[in-house]
Amino acid sequence: MKKIGRKFYIYVLDFIIIQISNRKNNRRSTGGFMKQDIIANCRNALYQILFYGVMIIYFILLFFLLFRKKAAGSFQSVNLIPFHSISAYLFSDDMVSRAFALSNLLGNIAIFIPMGVYLPLLIRRKSIFVNTVCVALISAVVEVLQYIFAVGSADIDDVILNTVGGLIGVSLFRVMELLLKDQTKKAVTVLAPVGGIFSFLILFLVNR
């Protein structure tokens, strides 16, 4: 009986020791998971701040560049004939006009590429057609407002060029989405500042 009693106590002690050690291990693992969760949440918050911060800066700069007052002596005009202004500049005998046409063409395309990247994330529509139409409508509204407030000329060619830029941006977003899947938004967060600086640099050189 004494031997049985001793074995029973030994088993009980072993069981208690095992339970205590398991609890300690669970606390350590839980603490590790909590630290990982905190780090992941902080990282996601940083990505969100960068994403929306850069996007807001882009739209503010875009508004400033599109609606700033033109220099004294500039005139207003309306062109509703597609490719009229582009062809007039590109096929001009004046080399200065050709150089201006090329820079204007590149600038109007480049400045709307970031918008084509941002729109699918904002309206949550993946269709290239839908997002490109949205860019075209935004550009058309901008042209009308520029004319109404006397800060520019209403030109259908600008809408065409802006739409091409938006289409490039939407297409880039779709390619990133196919390649990066869930990491697309993070990639946009990292690459958007570089693309934005490049686009505004081109537009600044065009409008200086």
C-alpha atoms as a PDB file:
ATOM      1  CA  MET A   1       0.000   0.000   0.000  1.00  0.00           C
ATOM      2  CA  LYS A   2       2.820   2.375   0.882  1.00  0.00           C
ATOM      3  CA  LYS A   3       4.492   1.742  -2.504  1.00  0.00           C
ATOM      4  CA  ILE A   4       1.201   2.386  -4.318  1.00  0.00           C
ATOM      5  CA  GLY A   5       0.709   5.601  -2.313  1.00  0.00           C
ATOM      6  CA  ARG A   6       4.216   6.800  -3.173  1.00  0.00           C
ATOM      7  CA  LYS A   7       3.695   6.114  -6.879  1.00  0.00           C
ATOM      8  CA  PHE A   8       0.373   7.931  -6.796  1.00  0.00           C
ATOM      9  CA  TYR A   9       1.988  11.005  -5.215  1.00  0.00           C
ATOM     10  CA  ILE A  10       4.820  10.877  -7.744  1.00  0.00           C
ATOM     11  CA  TYR A  11       2.297  10.773 -10.613  1.00  0.00           C
ATOM     12  CA  VAL A  12       0.377  13.689  -9.116  1.00  0.00           C
ATOM     13  CA  LEU A  13       3.544  15.759  -8.704  1.00  0.00           C
ATOM     14  CA  ASP A  14       4.636  14.975 -12.272  1.00  0.00           C
ATOM     15  CA  PHE A  15       1.213  15.983 -13.552  1.00  0.00           C
ATOM     16  CA  ILE A  16       1.329  19.295 -11.634  1.00  0.00           C
ATOM     17  CA  ILE A  17       4.857  20.073 -12.863  1.00  0.00           C
ATOM     18  CA  ILE A  18       3.868  19.320 -16.480  1.00  0.00           C
ATOM     19  CA  GLN A  19       0.797  21.569 -16.233  1.00  0.00           C
ATOM     20  CA  ILE A  20       2.820  24.434 -14.772  1.00  0.00           C
ATOM     21  CA  SER A  21       5.483  24.152 -17.493  1.00  0.00           C
ATOM     22  CA  ASN A  22       2.781  24.033 -20.214  1.00  0.00           C
ATOM     23  CA  ARG A  23       1.189  27.203 -18.858  1.00  0.00           C
ATOM     24  CA  LYS A  24       4.547  28.998 -18.882  1.00  0.00           C
ATOM     25  CA  ASN A  25       5.174  27.913 -22.459  1.00  0.00           C
ATOM     26  CA  ASN A  26       1.692  29.053 -23.492  1.00  0.00           C
ATOM     27  CA  ARG A  27       2.294  32.462 -21.929  1.00  0.00           C
ATOM     28  CA  ARG A  28       5.604  32.804 -23.754  1.00  0.00           C
ATOM     29  CA  SER A  29       4.105  31.801 -27.089  1.00  0.00           C
ATOM     30  CA  THR A  30       1.096  34.094 -26.533  1.00  0.00           C
ATOM     31  CA  GLY A  31       3.413  36.963 -25.689  1.00  0.00           C
ATOM     32  CA  GLY A  32       5.383  36.289 -28.879  1.00  0.00           C
ATOM     33  CA  PHE A  33       2.228  36.279 -30.967  1.00  0.00           C
ATOM     34  CA  MET A  34       1.098  39.539 -29.347  1.00  0.00           C
ATOM     35  CA  LYS A  35       4.407  41.198 -30.216  1.00  0.00           C
ATOM     36  CA  GLN A  36       4.135  39.977 -33.797  1.00  0.00           C
ATOM     37  CA  ASP A  37       0.567  41.287 -34.015  1.00  0.00           C
ATOM     38  CA  ILE A  38       1.628  44.699 -32.686  1.00  0.00           C
ATOM     39  CA  ILE A  39       4.499  44.909 -35.190  1.00  0.00           C
ATOM     40  CA  ALA A  40       2.204  43.850 -38.060  1.00  0.00           C
ATOM     41  CA  ASN A  41      -0.444  46.410 -37.055  1.00  0.00           C
ATOM     42  CA  CYS A  42       2.126  49.193 -36.846  1.00  0.00           C
ATOM     43  CA  ARG A  43       3.508  48.246 -40.243  1.00  0.00           C
ATOM     44  CA  ASN A  44       0.028  48.226 -41.799  1.00  0.00           C
ATOM     45  CA  ALA A  45      -0.761  51.589 -40.204  1.00  0.00           C
ATOM     46  CA  LEU A  46       2.450  53.026 -41.650  1.00  0.00           C
ATOM     47  CA  TYR A  47       1.552  51.736 -45.122  1.00  0.00           C
ATOM     48  CA  GLN A  48      -1.929  53.293 -44.810  1.00  0.00           C
ATOM     49  CA  ILE A  49      -0.504  56.661 -43.759  1.00  0.00           C
ATOM     50  CA  LEU A  50       2.005  56.639 -46.621  1.00  0.00           C
ATOM     51  CA  PHE A  51      -0.578  55.511 -49.169  1.00  0.00           C
ATOM     52  CA  TYR A  52      -3.237  58.098 -48.335  1.00  0.00           C
ATOM     53  CA  GLY A  53      -0.677  60.805 -47.564  1.00  0.00           C
ATOM     54  CA  VAL A  54       1.037  60.491 -50.949  1.00  0.00           C
ATOM     55  CA  MET A  55      -2.328  60.248 -52.716  1.00  0.00           C
ATOM     56  CA  ILE A  56      -3.620  63.436 -51.051  1.00  0.00           C
ATOM     57  CA  ILE A  57      -0.405  65.273 -51.937  1.00  0.00           C
ATOM     58  CA  TYR A  58      -0.759  64.094 -55.549  1.00  0.00           C
ATOM     59  CA  PHE A  59      -4.315  65.418 -55.862  1.00  0.00           C
ATOM     60  CA  ILE A  60      -3.394  68.726 -54.190  1.00  0.00           C
ATOM     61  CA  LEU A  61      -0.475  69.263 -56.568  1.00  0.00           C
ATOM     62  CA  LEU A  62      -2.622  68.197 -59.523  1.00  0.00           C
ATOM     63  CA  PHE A  63      -5.286  70.734 -58.552  1.00  0.00           C
ATOM     64  CA  PHE A  64      -2.665  73.463 -58.154  1.00  0.00           C
ATOM     65  CA  LEU A  65      -1.086  72.764 -61.539  1.00  0.00           C
ATOM     66  CA  LEU A  66      -4.367  72.449 -63.426  1.00  0.00           C
ATOM     67  CA  PHE A  67      -6.117  75.445 -61.893  1.00  0.00           C
ATOM     68  CA  ARG A  68      -3.327  77.926 -61.342  1.00  0.00           C
ATOM     69  CA  LYS A  69      -3.781  81.249 -63.146  1.00  0.00           C
ATOM     70  CA  LYS A  70      -2.155  81.597 -66.513  1.00  0.00           C
ATOM     71  CA  ALA A  71       0.413  84.261 -67.264  1.00  0.00           C
ATOM     72  CA  ALA A  72      -0.740  87.697 -68.343  1.00  0.00           C
ATOM     73  CA  GLY A  73      -1.439  87.881 -72.062  1.00  0.00           C
ATOM     74  CA  SER A  74      -2.510  84.242 -72.390  1.00  0.00           C
ATOM     75  CA  PHE A  75      -5.801  83.610 -74.146  1.00  0.00           C
ATOM     76  CA  GLN A  76      -8.735  81.255 -73.826  1.00  0.00           C
ATOM     77  CA  SER A  77      -9.897  78.979 -76.594  1.00  0.00           C
ATOM     78  CA  VAL A  78     -12.135  75.998 -77.212  1.00  0.00           C
ATOM     79  CA  ASN A  79     -11.229  73.027 -79.389  1.00  0.00           C
ATOM     80  CA  LEU A  80     -13.782  70.260 -79.889  1.00  0.00           C
ATOM     81  CA  ILE A  81     -12.079  68.636 -82.892  1.00  0.00           C
ATOM     82  CA  PRO A  82     -10.094  65.539 -81.836  1.00  0.00           C
ATOM     83  CA  PHE A  83      -6.342  65.664 -82.615  1.00  0.00           C
ATOM     84  CA  HIS A  84      -6.638  69.176 -84.077  1.00  0.00           C
ATOM     85  CA  SER A  85      -4.252  70.808 -81.592  1.00  0.00           C
ATOM     86  CA  ILE A  86      -1.889  67.823 -81.565  1.00  0.00           C
ATOM     87  CA  SER A  87      -1.568  67.703 -85.350  1.00  0.00           C
ATOM     88  CA  ALA A  88      -1.224  71.484 -85.581  1.00  0.00           C
ATOM     89  CA  TYR A  89       1.741  71.402 -83.212  1.00  0.00           C
ATOM     90  CA  LEU A  90       3.408  68.208 -84.436  1.00  0.00           C
ATOM     91  CA  PHE A  91       3.251  69.092 -88.136  1.00  0.00           C
ATOM     92  CA  SER A  92       4.198  72.721 -87.690  1.00  0.00           C
ATOM     93  CA  ASP A  93       7.225  74.086 -89.534  1.00  0.00           C
ATOM     94  CA  ASP A  94       8.294  75.870 -86.366  1.00  0.00           C
ATOM     95  CA  MET A  95      10.773  73.770 -84.366  1.00  0.00           C
ATOM     96  CA  VAL A  96       9.801  75.555 -81.147  1.00  0.00           C
ATOM     97  CA  SER A  97       6.165  74.561 -81.668  1.00  0.00           C
ATOM     98  CA  ARG A  98       7.201  70.952 -82.257  1.00  0.00           C
ATOM     99  CA  ALA A  99       9.289  70.866 -79.090  1.00  0.00           C
ATOM    100  CA  PHE A 100       6.397  72.384 -77.134  1.00  0.00           C
ATOM    101  CA  ALA A 101       3.983  69.863 -78.647  1.00  0.00           C
ATOM    102  CA  LEU A 102       6.152  66.924 -77.602  1.00  0.00           C
ATOM    103  CA  SER A 103       6.599  68.178 -74.044  1.00  0.00           C
ATOM    104  CA  ASN A 104       2.893  69.050 -73.793  1.00  0.00           C
ATOM    105  CA  LEU A 105       1.917  65.606 -75.063  1.00  0.00           C
ATOM    106  CA  LEU A 106       4.193  63.803 -72.608  1.00  0.00           C
ATOM    107  CA  GLY A 107       3.165  66.051 -69.739  1.00  0.00           C
ATOM    108  CA  ASN A 108      -0.581  65.574 -70.221  1.00  0.00           C
ATOM    109  CA  ILE A 109      -0.093  61.814 -70.412  1.00  0.00           C
ATOM    110  CA  ALA A 110       2.315  61.472 -67.473  1.00  0.00           C
ATOM    111  CA  ILE A 111       0.343  63.605 -65.008  1.00  0.00           C
ATOM    112  CA  PHE A 112      -2.710  61.296 -65.181  1.00  0.00           C
ATOM    113  CA  ILE A 113      -0.831  57.988 -64.882  1.00  0.00           C
ATOM    114  CA  PRO A 114      -0.926  58.087 -61.045  1.00  0.00           C
ATOM    115  CA  MET A 115      -4.680  58.744 -61.168  1.00  0.00           C
ATOM    116  CA  GLY A 116      -5.107  55.589 -63.245  1.00  0.00           C
ATOM    117  CA  VAL A 117      -3.241  53.666 -60.541  1.00  0.00           C
ATOM    118  CA  TYR A 118      -5.179  55.171 -57.628  1.00  0.00           C
ATOM    119  CA  LEU A 119      -8.704  54.934 -59.072  1.00  0.00           C
ATOM    120  CA  PRO A 120      -9.070  51.112 -58.944  1.00  0.00           C
ATOM    121  CA  LEU A 121      -8.128  51.222 -55.262  1.00  0.00           C
ATOM    122  CA  LEU A 122     -10.534  54.087 -54.504  1.00  0.00           C
ATOM    123  CA  ILE A 123     -13.653  52.974 -56.384  1.00  0.00           C
ATOM    124  CA  ARG A 124     -12.853  49.258 -55.933  1.00  0.00           C
ATOM    125  CA  ARG A 125     -13.629  48.439 -59.565  1.00  0.00           C
ATOM    126  CA  LYS A 126     -11.093  46.305 -61.429  1.00  0.00           C
ATOM    127  CA  SER A 127     -12.449  46.884 -64.930  1.00  0.00           C
ATOM    128  CA  ILE A 128      -9.915  48.690 -67.118  1.00  0.00           C
ATOM    129  CA  PHE A 129     -12.753  50.135 -69.200  1.00  0.00           C
ATOM    130  CA  VAL A 130     -14.701  51.527 -66.220  1.00  0.00           C
ATOM    131  CA  ASN A 131     -11.631  53.132 -64.637  1.00  0.00           C
ATOM    132  CA  THR A 132     -10.466  54.614 -67.952  1.00  0.00           C
ATOM    133  CA  VAL A 133     -13.920  56.124 -68.542  1.00  0.00           C
ATOM    134  CA  CYS A 134     -13.764  57.659 -65.042  1.00  0.00           C
ATOM    135  CA  VAL A 135     -10.403  59.246 -65.881  1.00  0.00           C
ATOM    136  CA  ALA A 136     -11.841  60.623 -69.139  1.00  0.00           C
ATOM    137  CA  LEU A 137     -14.838  62.124 -67.304  1.00  0.00           C
ATOM    138  CA  ILE A 138     -12.598  63.719 -64.673  1.00  0.00           C
ATOM    139  CA  SER A 139     -10.389  65.206 -67.387  1.00  0.00           C
ATOM    140  CA  ALA A 140     -13.432  66.542 -69.259  1.00  0.00           C
ATOM    141  CA  VAL A 141     -14.758  68.205 -66.100  1.00  0.00           C
ATOM    142  CA  VAL A 142     -11.317  69.749 -65.503  1.00  0.00           C
ATOM    143  CA  GLU A 143     -11.254  71.221 -69.028  1.00  0.00           C
ATOM    144  CA  VAL A 144     -14.716  72.748 -68.583  1.00  0.00           C
ATOM    145  CA  LEU A 145     -13.805  74.241 -65.199  1.00  0.00           C
ATOM    146  CA  GLN A 146     -10.552  75.631 -66.578  1.00  0.00           C
ATOM    147  CA  TYR A 147     -12.523  77.508 -69.226  1.00  0.00           C
ATOM    148  CA  ILE A 148     -15.256  78.698 -66.838  1.00  0.00           C
ATOM    149  CA  PHE A 149     -12.784  80.089 -64.320  1.00  0.00           C
ATOM    150  CA  ALA A 150     -10.488  81.483 -67.024  1.00  0.00           C
ATOM    151  CA  VAL A 151      -7.459  79.448 -66.011  1.00  0.00           C
ATOM    152  CA  GLY A 152      -6.958  77.602 -69.272  1.00  0.00           C
ATOM    153  CA  SER A 153      -8.346  76.496 -72.605  1.00  0.00           C
ATOM    154  CA  ALA A 154     -10.929  73.771 -73.133  1.00  0.00           C
ATOM    155  CA  ASP A 155      -9.308  71.285 -75.499  1.00  0.00           C
ATOM    156  CA  ILE A 156     -10.589  67.833 -76.376  1.00  0.00           C
ATOM    157  CA  ASP A 157      -7.005  66.829 -77.161  1.00  0.00           C
ATOM    158  CA  ASP A 158      -6.057  67.350 -73.507  1.00  0.00           C
ATOM    159  CA  VAL A 159      -8.883  64.988 -72.539  1.00  0.00           C
ATOM    160  CA  ILE A 160      -7.569  62.396 -75.016  1.00  0.00           C
ATOM    161  CA  LEU A 161      -4.006  62.668 -73.706  1.00  0.00           C
ATOM    162  CA  ASN A 162      -5.129  62.564 -70.062  1.00  0.00           C
ATOM    163  CA  THR A 163      -7.219  59.488 -70.824  1.00  0.00           C
ATOM    164  CA  VAL A 164      -4.217  57.771 -72.419  1.00  0.00           C
ATOM    165  CA  GLY A 165      -2.254  58.482 -69.233  1.00  0.00           C
ATOM    166  CA  GLY A 166      -5.079  57.096 -67.114  1.00  0.00           C
ATOM    167  CA  LEU A 167      -5.253  53.977 -69.285  1.00  0.00           C
ATOM    168  CA  ILE A 168      -1.515  53.428 -68.806  1.00  0.00           C
ATOM    169  CA  GLY A 169      -1.938  53.806 -65.046  1.00  0.00           C
ATOM    170  CA  VAL A 170      -4.900  51.406 -64.871  1.00  0.00           C
ATOM    171  CA  SER A 171      -3.006  48.865 -66.987  1.00  0.00           C
ATOM    172  CA  LEU A 172       0.032  49.124 -64.705  1.00  0.00           C
ATOM    173  CA  PHE A 173      -2.214  48.543 -61.703  1.00  0.00           C
ATOM    174  CA  ARG A 174      -3.732  45.432 -63.300  1.00  0.00           C
ATOM    175  CA  VAL A 175      -0.263  44.041 -64.084  1.00  0.00           C
ATOM    176  CA  MET A 176       0.864  44.663 -60.481  1.00  0.00           C
ATOM    177  CA  GLU A 177      -2.329  43.040 -59.211  1.00  0.00           C
ATOM    178  CA  LEU A 178      -1.740  39.920 -61.309  1.00  0.00           C
ATOM    179  CA  LEU A 179       1.882  39.645 -60.205  1.00  0.00           C
ATOM    180  CA  LEU A 180       1.679  40.766 -56.569  1.00  0.00           C
ATOM    181  CA  LYS A 181      -1.872  39.773 -55.579  1.00  0.00           C
ATOM    182  CA  ASP A 182      -2.512  41.036 -52.012  1.00  0.00           C
ATOM    183  CA  GLN A 183       0.731  43.040 -51.956  1.00  0.00           C
ATOM    184  CA  THR A 184      -0.451  45.406 -54.729  1.00  0.00           C
ATOM    185  CA  LYS A 185      -1.458  48.242 -52.405  1.00  0.00           C
ATOM    186  CA  LYS A 186       1.906  48.085 -50.627  1.00  0.00           C
ATOM    187  CA  ALA A 187       3.690  48.195 -53.982  1.00  0.00           C
ATOM    188  CA  VAL A 188       1.648  51.248 -54.981  1.00  0.00           C
ATOM    189  CA  THR A 189       2.521  52.870 -51.654  1.00  0.00           C
ATOM    190  CA  VAL A 190       6.238  52.421 -52.326  1.00  0.00           C
ATOM    191  CA  LEU A 191       6.262  53.224 -56.066  1.00  0.00           C
ATOM    192  CA  ALA A 192       3.714  56.070 -56.130  1.00  0.00           C
ATOM    193  CA  PRO A 193       6.079  58.752 -54.749  1.00  0.00           C
ATOM    194  CA  VAL A 194       8.654  57.938 -57.448  1.00  0.00           C
ATOM    195  CA  GLY A 195       6.060  57.986 -60.226  1.00  0.00           C
ATOM    196  CA  GLY A 196       4.456  61.139 -58.847  1.00  0.00           C
ATOM    197  CA  ILE A 197       7.745  63.044 -58.724  1.00  0.00           C
ATOM    198  CA  PHE A 198       8.542  61.975 -62.299  1.00  0.00           C
ATOM    199  CA  SER A 199       5.083  63.007 -63.554  1.00  0.00           C
ATOM    200  CA  PHE A 200       5.080  66.418 -61.877  1.00  0.00           C
ATOM    201  CA  LEU A 201       8.628  67.068 -63.044  1.00  0.00           C
ATOM    202  CA  ILE A 202       7.528  66.558 -66.637  1.00  0.00           C
ATOM    203  CA  LEU A 203       4.462  68.758 -66.177  1.00  0.00           C
ATOM    204  CA  PHE A 204       6.546  71.459 -64.465  1.00  0.00           C
ATOM    205  CA  LEU A 205       8.977  71.506 -67.376  1.00  0.00           C
ATOM    206  CA  VAL A 206       6.037  71.788 -69.775  1.00  0.00           C
ATOM    207  CA  ASN A 207       4.366  74.674 -67.963  1.00  0.00           C
ATOM    208  CA  ARG A 208       7.366  76.669 -66.782  1.00  0.00           C
END
